[in-house]
């Protein structure tokens, strides 16, 4: 018990120190809009969101004046809770939350306040409790973007590169709302195409290795890393296990393709961040966040890994190579 209390005290002190540094930064220009970017863990897609957001914000005369600072809970759930609660005690022009879990933390902390919340890459805002029944009924002063993957295009790519695909394996964390949405869409595509889906649910990262090993033993033809933070955060473990078994891996994240997955038609998170920036600019001009529609990025991008294809003995058609945004070697 003493150890737990000490840990929580340390986390709280770090949170307060972090916010004190942010306050010191903000007070350099007291009249500038203050935008706080909050994320619960370092992720490749979150970095892309921030890049797109910052670039588009700085390109606009109104957004250019804004002071933007990022805080991260560094994958610690208690730190995320403490930070979001500390944020609620400050007065920010708006908070930009990255992903479902970070947004849920901020939303709970800022409930009952007028502070605008913009969320980036929340798969299902209704299921996450941010909207009541539909995207027309915000539960607070909130708006943002969805990162629903182009699953149909992803499955088209899988079928083109692995035409013998009959059994697909996935691993996901059953406690993540975004994962539940992703898995339901994967199931739909599998049913539509006559593919057998083998799934393993986990509750913590340490279970990933055993879950993937179980799928490999059951002779899956390919593995798909879903829109799941636990699986994505441990994609290197998945890639290593699947490569040893000569099984191709697909996903919706370009960074995982760069690290060894065979390919994806993925959400362009830089573009999604730009959409969030346009929403932020509208708020800076006087709009309420709740007046703005939830949006998505306009297109998906094709990413391929030629090195992985060579190792797996898979030929990527020239037409796909020419269309790809990036081909990793």
Protein backbone atom coordinates (compact mmCIF):
# COMPACT_ATOMS: atom_id res chain seq x y z
CA UNK A 1 0.00 0.00 0.00
CA UNK A 2 2.82 2.42 0.90
CA UNK A 3 4.53 1.68 -2.41
CA UNK A 4 1.29 2.43 -4.32
CA UNK A 5 0.79 5.69 -2.43
CA UNK A 6 4.37 6.71 -3.13
CA UNK A 7 3.96 5.91 -6.83
CA UNK A 8 0.77 7.99 -7.05
CA UNK A 9 2.45 10.87 -5.24
CA UNK A 10 5.38 10.79 -7.66
CA UNK A 11 2.99 10.75 -10.64
CA UNK A 12 1.02 13.67 -9.23
CA UNK A 13 4.19 15.68 -8.61
CA UNK A 14 5.37 15.01 -12.17
CA UNK A 15 1.97 16.09 -13.50
CA UNK A 16 2.06 19.32 -11.54
CA UNK A 17 5.65 20.00 -12.60
CA UNK A 18 4.73 19.39 -16.24
CA UNK A 19 1.80 21.77 -16.06
CA UNK A 20 3.89 24.38 -14.24
CA UNK A 21 6.40 24.30 -17.10
CA UNK A 22 3.56 24.62 -19.59
CA UNK A 23 2.17 27.61 -17.69
CA UNK A 24 5.60 29.25 -17.72
CA UNK A 25 5.76 28.71 -21.49
CA UNK A 26 2.27 30.08 -22.06
CA UNK A 27 2.83 33.25 -20.04
CA UNK A 28 5.48 34.42 -22.50
CA UNK A 29 2.58 35.75 -24.60
CA UNK A 30 -0.41 36.25 -22.33
CA UNK A 31 -2.77 37.21 -25.17
CA UNK A 32 -1.99 34.23 -27.40
CA UNK A 33 -4.52 31.38 -27.67
CA UNK A 34 -3.35 28.43 -25.58
CA UNK A 35 -3.78 24.97 -27.09
CA UNK A 36 -2.83 21.91 -25.08
CA UNK A 37 -2.22 18.66 -26.97
CA UNK A 38 -2.78 15.59 -24.78
CA UNK A 39 -1.82 11.99 -25.54
CA UNK A 40 -1.68 8.93 -23.34
CA UNK A 41 1.31 7.25 -24.99
CA UNK A 42 3.86 7.74 -27.79
CA UNK A 43 2.51 6.32 -31.06
CA UNK A 44 3.53 6.76 -34.71
CA UNK A 45 0.01 7.73 -35.76
CA UNK A 46 -0.22 10.29 -32.93
CA UNK A 47 3.04 11.91 -34.04
CA UNK A 48 1.61 12.14 -37.56
CA UNK A 49 -1.56 13.76 -36.23
CA UNK A 50 0.48 16.36 -34.35
CA UNK A 51 2.61 17.09 -37.41
CA UNK A 52 -0.41 17.67 -39.64
CA UNK A 53 -2.15 19.72 -36.96
CA UNK A 54 0.83 21.98 -36.30
CA UNK A 55 1.65 22.51 -40.00
CA UNK A 56 -1.92 23.48 -40.91
CA UNK A 57 -2.34 25.64 -37.81
CA UNK A 58 0.85 27.61 -38.55
CA UNK A 59 -0.21 28.15 -42.17
CA UNK A 60 -3.27 30.14 -41.06
CA UNK A 61 -2.96 33.77 -39.82
CA UNK A 62 -5.33 33.06 -36.91
CA UNK A 63 -3.72 29.77 -35.92
CA UNK A 64 -0.20 31.12 -36.28
CA UNK A 65 -0.50 33.08 -33.01
CA UNK A 66 -1.47 30.05 -30.95
CA UNK A 67 0.93 28.58 -28.41
CA UNK A 68 0.82 24.78 -28.66
CA UNK A 69 2.32 22.47 -26.03
CA UNK A 70 2.10 18.67 -25.86
CA UNK A 71 1.88 16.57 -22.71
CA UNK A 72 2.06 12.77 -22.62
CA UNK A 73 1.17 10.26 -19.92
CA UNK A 74 3.96 7.99 -21.27
CA UNK A 75 1.72 4.89 -21.28
CA UNK A 76 0.87 5.19 -17.55
CA UNK A 77 -2.93 5.08 -16.95
CA UNK A 78 -2.66 6.73 -13.54
CA UNK A 79 -0.50 9.50 -14.98
CA UNK A 80 -3.10 10.02 -17.72
CA UNK A 81 -5.83 10.44 -15.11
CA UNK A 82 -3.75 12.80 -12.96
CA UNK A 83 -2.69 14.91 -15.93
CA UNK A 84 -6.21 15.23 -17.31
CA UNK A 85 -7.49 16.28 -13.88
CA UNK A 86 -4.70 18.84 -13.56
CA UNK A 87 -5.58 20.17 -17.02
CA UNK A 88 -9.14 20.79 -15.82
CA UNK A 89 -7.86 23.22 -13.19
CA UNK A 90 -6.21 25.42 -15.83
CA UNK A 91 -7.85 27.68 -18.42
CA UNK A 92 -6.92 26.67 -21.96
CA UNK A 93 -8.38 28.00 -25.16
CA UNK A 94 -8.89 24.40 -26.19
CA UNK A 95 -7.53 20.88 -25.64
CA UNK A 96 -6.57 18.61 -28.54
CA UNK A 97 -6.74 14.96 -27.43
CA UNK A 98 -5.13 12.22 -29.53
CA UNK A 99 -6.97 8.91 -29.76
CA UNK A 100 -9.92 7.35 -27.96
CA UNK A 101 -8.42 6.74 -24.53
CA UNK A 102 -6.81 10.18 -24.22
CA UNK A 103 -10.06 11.83 -25.32
CA UNK A 104 -12.11 9.88 -22.79
CA UNK A 105 -9.75 11.01 -20.01
CA UNK A 106 -9.94 14.67 -21.05
CA UNK A 107 -13.70 14.51 -21.63
CA UNK A 108 -14.36 13.21 -18.12
CA UNK A 109 -12.01 15.77 -16.57
CA UNK A 110 -13.52 18.74 -18.43
CA UNK A 111 -17.16 17.70 -18.05
CA UNK A 112 -19.25 20.65 -16.94
CA UNK A 113 -16.80 23.21 -18.32
CA UNK A 114 -16.96 25.23 -21.53
CA UNK A 115 -13.41 24.35 -22.62
CA UNK A 116 -13.55 23.17 -26.24
CA UNK A 117 -12.23 19.66 -26.89
CA UNK A 118 -11.01 18.55 -30.30
CA UNK A 119 -10.32 14.84 -30.66
CA UNK A 120 -8.08 13.25 -33.25
CA UNK A 121 -8.52 9.72 -34.57
CA UNK A 122 -11.38 8.46 -32.38
CA UNK A 123 -12.79 5.44 -34.19
CA UNK A 124 -16.32 5.57 -32.73
CA UNK A 125 -17.17 8.78 -30.81
CA UNK A 126 -20.63 7.45 -29.90
CA UNK A 127 -19.35 4.18 -28.42
CA UNK A 128 -16.65 6.17 -26.62
CA UNK A 129 -19.39 8.13 -24.80
CA UNK A 130 -18.62 11.47 -26.43
CA UNK A 131 -21.96 11.65 -28.28
CA UNK A 132 -25.46 10.52 -27.38
CA UNK A 133 -26.74 7.98 -29.87
CA UNK A 134 -25.51 9.80 -32.98
CA UNK A 135 -22.88 12.29 -34.12
CA UNK A 136 -25.57 14.97 -34.17
CA UNK A 137 -25.77 14.97 -30.36
CA UNK A 138 -22.48 15.93 -28.69
CA UNK A 139 -22.30 15.30 -24.95
CA UNK A 140 -20.20 18.42 -24.42
CA UNK A 141 -18.38 21.20 -26.23
CA UNK A 142 -16.56 18.73 -28.44
CA UNK A 143 -15.76 17.83 -32.05
CA UNK A 144 -12.99 16.05 -33.92
CA UNK A 145 -12.06 13.41 -36.47
CA UNK A 146 -12.68 9.71 -36.95
CA UNK A 147 -9.97 7.37 -38.19
CA UNK A 148 -12.17 4.60 -39.53
CA UNK A 149 -9.84 2.55 -41.69
CA UNK A 150 -10.77 1.77 -45.32
CA UNK A 151 -11.27 -1.93 -44.49
CA UNK A 152 -12.71 -2.89 -47.85
CA UNK A 153 -9.65 -1.52 -49.66
CA UNK A 154 -7.35 -3.20 -47.12
CA UNK A 155 -8.99 -6.56 -47.74
CA UNK A 156 -8.80 -6.02 -51.51
CA UNK A 157 -5.04 -5.54 -51.06
CA UNK A 158 -4.71 -8.66 -48.91
CA UNK A 159 -6.60 -10.77 -51.44
CA UNK A 160 -4.48 -9.42 -54.27
CA UNK A 161 -1.18 -10.16 -52.53
CA UNK A 162 -2.29 -13.41 -50.84
CA UNK A 163 -4.90 -14.91 -53.21
CA UNK A 164 -4.90 -18.19 -51.23
CA UNK A 165 -6.05 -16.39 -48.07
CA UNK A 166 -8.63 -18.51 -46.28
CA UNK A 167 -7.88 -17.95 -42.59
CA UNK A 168 -6.99 -14.60 -41.03
CA UNK A 169 -5.69 -14.11 -37.49
CA UNK A 170 -6.08 -11.06 -35.22
CA UNK A 171 -5.17 -10.16 -31.64
CA UNK A 172 -6.83 -7.28 -29.79
CA UNK A 173 -7.43 -5.83 -26.33
CA UNK A 174 -11.07 -6.49 -25.45
CA UNK A 175 -11.24 -3.43 -23.16
CA UNK A 176 -10.53 -0.87 -25.91
CA UNK A 177 -13.62 0.68 -27.53
CA UNK A 178 -11.71 1.39 -30.73
CA UNK A 179 -10.71 -2.29 -30.90
CA UNK A 180 -14.31 -3.48 -30.64
CA UNK A 181 -15.26 -1.28 -33.59
CA UNK A 182 -12.26 -2.45 -35.62
CA UNK A 183 -12.91 -6.13 -34.93
CA UNK A 184 -16.57 -5.82 -35.92
CA UNK A 185 -15.57 -4.33 -39.29
CA UNK A 186 -12.92 -7.00 -39.84
CA UNK A 187 -15.55 -9.67 -39.11
CA UNK A 188 -17.89 -8.07 -41.62
CA UNK A 189 -15.25 -8.12 -44.36
CA UNK A 190 -14.31 -11.72 -43.58
CA UNK A 191 -17.94 -12.84 -43.76
CA UNK A 192 -18.43 -10.99 -47.03
CA UNK A 193 -15.40 -12.66 -48.60
CA UNK A 194 -15.72 -16.15 -47.14
CA UNK A 195 -12.59 -15.81 -44.98
CA UNK A 196 -12.41 -17.64 -41.66
CA UNK A 197 -11.43 -15.27 -38.83
CA UNK A 198 -9.46 -16.55 -35.86
CA UNK A 199 -9.25 -14.07 -33.00
CA UNK A 200 -7.52 -13.92 -29.63
CA UNK A 201 -8.45 -11.32 -27.01
CA UNK A 202 -5.84 -10.08 -24.52
CA UNK A 203 -5.96 -7.73 -21.55
CA UNK A 204 -2.28 -6.76 -21.33
CA UNK A 205 0.81 -6.67 -23.59
CA UNK A 206 2.48 -9.65 -21.90
CA UNK A 207 -0.21 -11.91 -23.39
CA UNK A 208 0.53 -10.95 -27.00
CA UNK A 209 3.28 -13.54 -27.62
CA UNK A 210 1.16 -16.46 -26.43
CA UNK A 211 -1.90 -15.25 -28.37
CA UNK A 212 0.01 -14.88 -31.65
CA UNK A 213 1.70 -18.24 -31.13
CA UNK A 214 -1.70 -19.87 -30.70
CA UNK A 215 -2.92 -18.41 -33.99
CA UNK A 216 0.21 -19.54 -35.82
CA UNK A 217 -0.23 -23.08 -34.50
CA UNK A 218 -3.76 -23.02 -35.94
CA UNK A 219 -2.33 -22.41 -39.43
CA UNK A 220 -3.51 -18.89 -40.24
CA UNK A 221 -2.66 -17.68 -43.76
CA UNK A 222 -2.15 -14.03 -42.77
CA UNK A 223 -2.24 -11.81 -39.69
CA UNK A 224 -3.99 -8.44 -39.39
CA UNK A 225 -3.00 -5.84 -36.75
CA UNK A 226 -6.31 -4.05 -36.02
CA UNK A 227 -7.00 -0.52 -34.77
CA UNK A 228 -5.93 -1.60 -31.30
CA UNK A 229 -3.38 0.28 -29.20
CA UNK A 230 -2.12 -2.85 -27.43
CA UNK A 231 -1.51 -4.77 -30.64
CA UNK A 232 -0.01 -1.77 -32.43
CA UNK A 233 2.27 -1.00 -29.51
CA UNK A 234 3.59 -4.57 -29.66
CA UNK A 235 3.67 -4.91 -33.44
CA UNK A 236 7.37 -5.82 -33.43
CA UNK A 237 6.58 -8.91 -31.36
CA UNK A 238 3.82 -9.84 -33.80
CA UNK A 239 6.01 -9.22 -36.85
CA UNK A 240 8.89 -11.31 -35.48
CA UNK A 241 6.65 -14.27 -34.66
CA UNK A 242 4.84 -14.18 -38.00
CA UNK A 243 8.05 -13.83 -40.02
CA UNK A 244 9.49 -16.91 -38.32
CA UNK A 245 6.36 -18.78 -39.44
CA UNK A 246 6.48 -17.24 -42.94
CA UNK A 247 3.11 -15.52 -42.43
CA UNK A 248 2.42 -12.08 -44.01
CA UNK A 249 1.20 -9.28 -41.73
CA UNK A 250 -1.20 -6.51 -42.75
CA UNK A 251 -2.47 -3.48 -40.84
CA UNK A 252 -3.81 0.06 -41.20
CA UNK A 253 -0.70 1.84 -39.92
CA UNK A 254 2.05 2.88 -42.36
CA UNK A 255 4.70 2.82 -39.63
CA UNK A 256 4.06 -0.88 -39.02
CA UNK A 257 4.43 -1.51 -42.75
CA UNK A 258 7.75 0.33 -42.65
CA UNK A 259 8.81 -1.98 -39.82
CA UNK A 260 7.93 -5.15 -41.72
CA UNK A 261 4.23 -5.63 -42.40
CA UNK A 262 3.57 -6.43 -46.06
CA UNK A 263 1.25 -3.54 -46.84
CA UNK A 264 -1.80 -1.45 -46.12
CA UNK A 265 -4.25 1.05 -47.47
CA UNK A 266 -4.11 3.23 -44.41
CA UNK A 267 -5.54 6.40 -42.98
CA UNK A 268 -3.33 9.38 -43.69
CA UNK A 269 -2.91 10.69 -40.14
CA UNK A 270 -1.02 13.79 -41.26
CA UNK A 271 -4.05 14.73 -43.37
CA UNK A 272 -6.33 13.89 -40.45
CA UNK A 273 -4.32 16.25 -38.25
CA UNK A 274 -4.80 18.98 -40.84
CA UNK A 275 -8.57 18.46 -40.64
CA UNK A 276 -8.32 18.89 -36.85
CA UNK A 277 -6.35 22.10 -37.36
CA UNK A 278 -9.11 23.51 -39.56
CA UNK A 279 -11.58 22.73 -36.78
CA UNK A 280 -9.30 24.48 -34.26
CA UNK A 281 -9.09 27.56 -36.49
CA UNK A 282 -12.90 27.72 -36.69
CA UNK A 283 -13.03 27.65 -32.88
CA UNK A 284 -10.39 30.38 -32.64
CA UNK A 285 -12.58 32.46 -34.95
CA UNK A 286 -15.51 32.15 -32.57
CA UNK A 287 -17.33 28.89 -33.37
CA UNK A 288 -18.31 26.46 -30.60
CA UNK A 289 -16.71 23.04 -30.93
CA UNK A 290 -20.11 21.35 -30.58
CA UNK A 291 -21.32 23.30 -33.65
CA UNK A 292 -18.69 21.62 -35.87
CA UNK A 293 -19.26 18.25 -37.54
CA UNK A 294 -17.10 15.22 -36.86
CA UNK A 295 -14.98 14.66 -39.99
CA UNK A 296 -12.71 12.08 -41.60
CA UNK A 297 -9.72 12.31 -43.95
CA UNK A 298 -10.57 12.34 -47.65
CA UNK A 299 -8.49 9.38 -48.78
CA UNK A 300 -6.43 6.35 -47.81
CA UNK A 301 -2.83 5.84 -48.86
CA UNK A 302 -1.15 2.69 -50.14
CA UNK A 303 2.05 1.57 -48.39
CA UNK A 304 4.09 -1.53 -49.32
CA UNK A 305 7.17 -3.28 -47.99
CA UNK A 306 9.24 -4.77 -50.81
CA UNK A 307 11.80 -6.32 -48.44
CA UNK A 308 9.08 -8.27 -46.62
CA UNK A 309 7.55 -9.36 -49.92
CA UNK A 310 10.93 -10.72 -51.04
CA UNK A 311 11.41 -12.64 -47.78
CA UNK A 312 7.92 -14.11 -48.05
CA UNK A 313 8.25 -14.96 -51.74
CA UNK A 314 5.35 -12.68 -52.68
CA UNK A 315 5.35 -10.72 -55.93
CA UNK A 316 3.90 -7.22 -55.73
CA UNK A 317 2.34 -6.19 -59.07
CA UNK A 318 3.95 -3.19 -60.79
CA UNK A 319 0.61 -1.37 -60.82
CA UNK A 320 0.52 -1.42 -57.02
CA UNK A 321 4.15 -0.32 -56.72
CA UNK A 322 3.48 2.68 -58.96
CA UNK A 323 0.39 3.68 -56.99
CA UNK A 324 2.00 3.42 -53.55
CA UNK A 325 2.73 6.52 -51.49
CA UNK A 326 5.78 4.68 -50.14
CA UNK A 327 7.53 1.40 -50.89
CA UNK A 328 9.88 0.37 -48.08
CA UNK A 329 13.10 -1.51 -48.85
